[in-house]
Amino acid sequence: MIVLRLLADADIPVIKSWPHYPPEFAGLDYSLRDGGWLDTHRNEPGTVVFAATENGKLVGFSLLVQGLEGVSEFMVALHPERIGGGLGRTIVRLTLARGFSCPGTARIRLIVRKNNFRAKALYTSLHFVRTGELVKEIQGDPVAFFEMEITREDFTKGEGIMKQVLLVIDVQNEYFSGALPVTYPEGSLGNILKAMDHAHSARMPVVVIRHTNPAPGAPAFGQGSPGADLHPEIKKRQADLVIEKHYPGSFTGTELSAWLKENRITTVTIAGYMTQMCCDTTARQAFHEGYAVNFLSDATGTLSITNTAGSVSAADLHRAILVTQQMVFSRVLSTAEWIAET
């Protein structure tokens, strides 16, 4: 459990001794060091600094700087070994709740580096909106930022929780008793069903997507064939929308994009089959459309592939897609981690 408390003097040397950020976040390393955020802002009037702890261990910190006309500035930093896995989301939400508990705070704003795609997706999913751009000198170099802010009203609507949908992609008989039996990871179907059941209990919309191939004599997913039918366990569960698609991307030639906009969705969570095909393609499309994306590592799956380009095992293929998704497109997490945060 993550707990916010006021930063103590003894926390500062601990933070400054944290290891360096990995290369893709190296530009943020200055925020932890001498002359960084704590030295620059901690003693400014109106600044409150929070320490985020888990089981008593310091895992991050955040700052709120109260300004004029009900506007506060926000900053957050994580322990370099704790990036990913939902910690940043939790600290942001807890800090926003503290900020808006002050009656005079109407808006909280921040800046995020233009090349920090994951942070931008996180803030968008929490109802921050882009308000501008700026270039700021950091350690002698110009750095381009987006300006973003969230209002008290937008935070209060869902207590800052993203409006999210679970996309259940192509969980069809073809992957069980048909031409393409999924083998890895073990238990993926059970996790897909857990995700669906949790979404229903959390009143989160679920969109079920079904692939069909309209070509006569199609070797797999032929329209009207048993293999194209949804798995019986999927059929048992309620869906807010069922979509039929003919291409790997669930946005292509379907009503999905319009439905997401109509329902003001900000975050999509990906479950289903196959990891490297329709799940990967749909996650990339969602990212390109501006959505925050969660990719469930154990509620997606694949099989070993051999073709004229070579061979790859199911485990290696699955792992390669997860690593690639985590680089830019999605936040990769297990079903249990996703359920715990939603």
Foldseek 3Di string as FASTA:
>chain_A
DKDKDFDDPVVLVVQQPFDAAPPVCNLCRQLRHVVHDCVVPVPDPQKTKIFIDDPRHTFWIKMWRDDPQQEIEIDIDTRRVPPFLCPVLVVVLVVVVVSVVPVSHFKYKYKDFPPPQQVLQSVVQLVKDFDAKDWDADPNDTTIITIIMDGPVSCVVPSSHGQEEEEAEAQFQCCPPRDFPWDPDPPLQVLLLVLLVLCVVVVHAYEYEFEAAPDPPDRARHVPDRRRHHDPSVVVGDHPYYWYDHALAPVPPICVVVVCVVVVGAEYEYAYDALVTNRLNNLQVCVVVRHAYEYALSNHTGAWDQDPVGTDGRVVVSVVSQVVCVVRRYRYDHSVSVSVVD
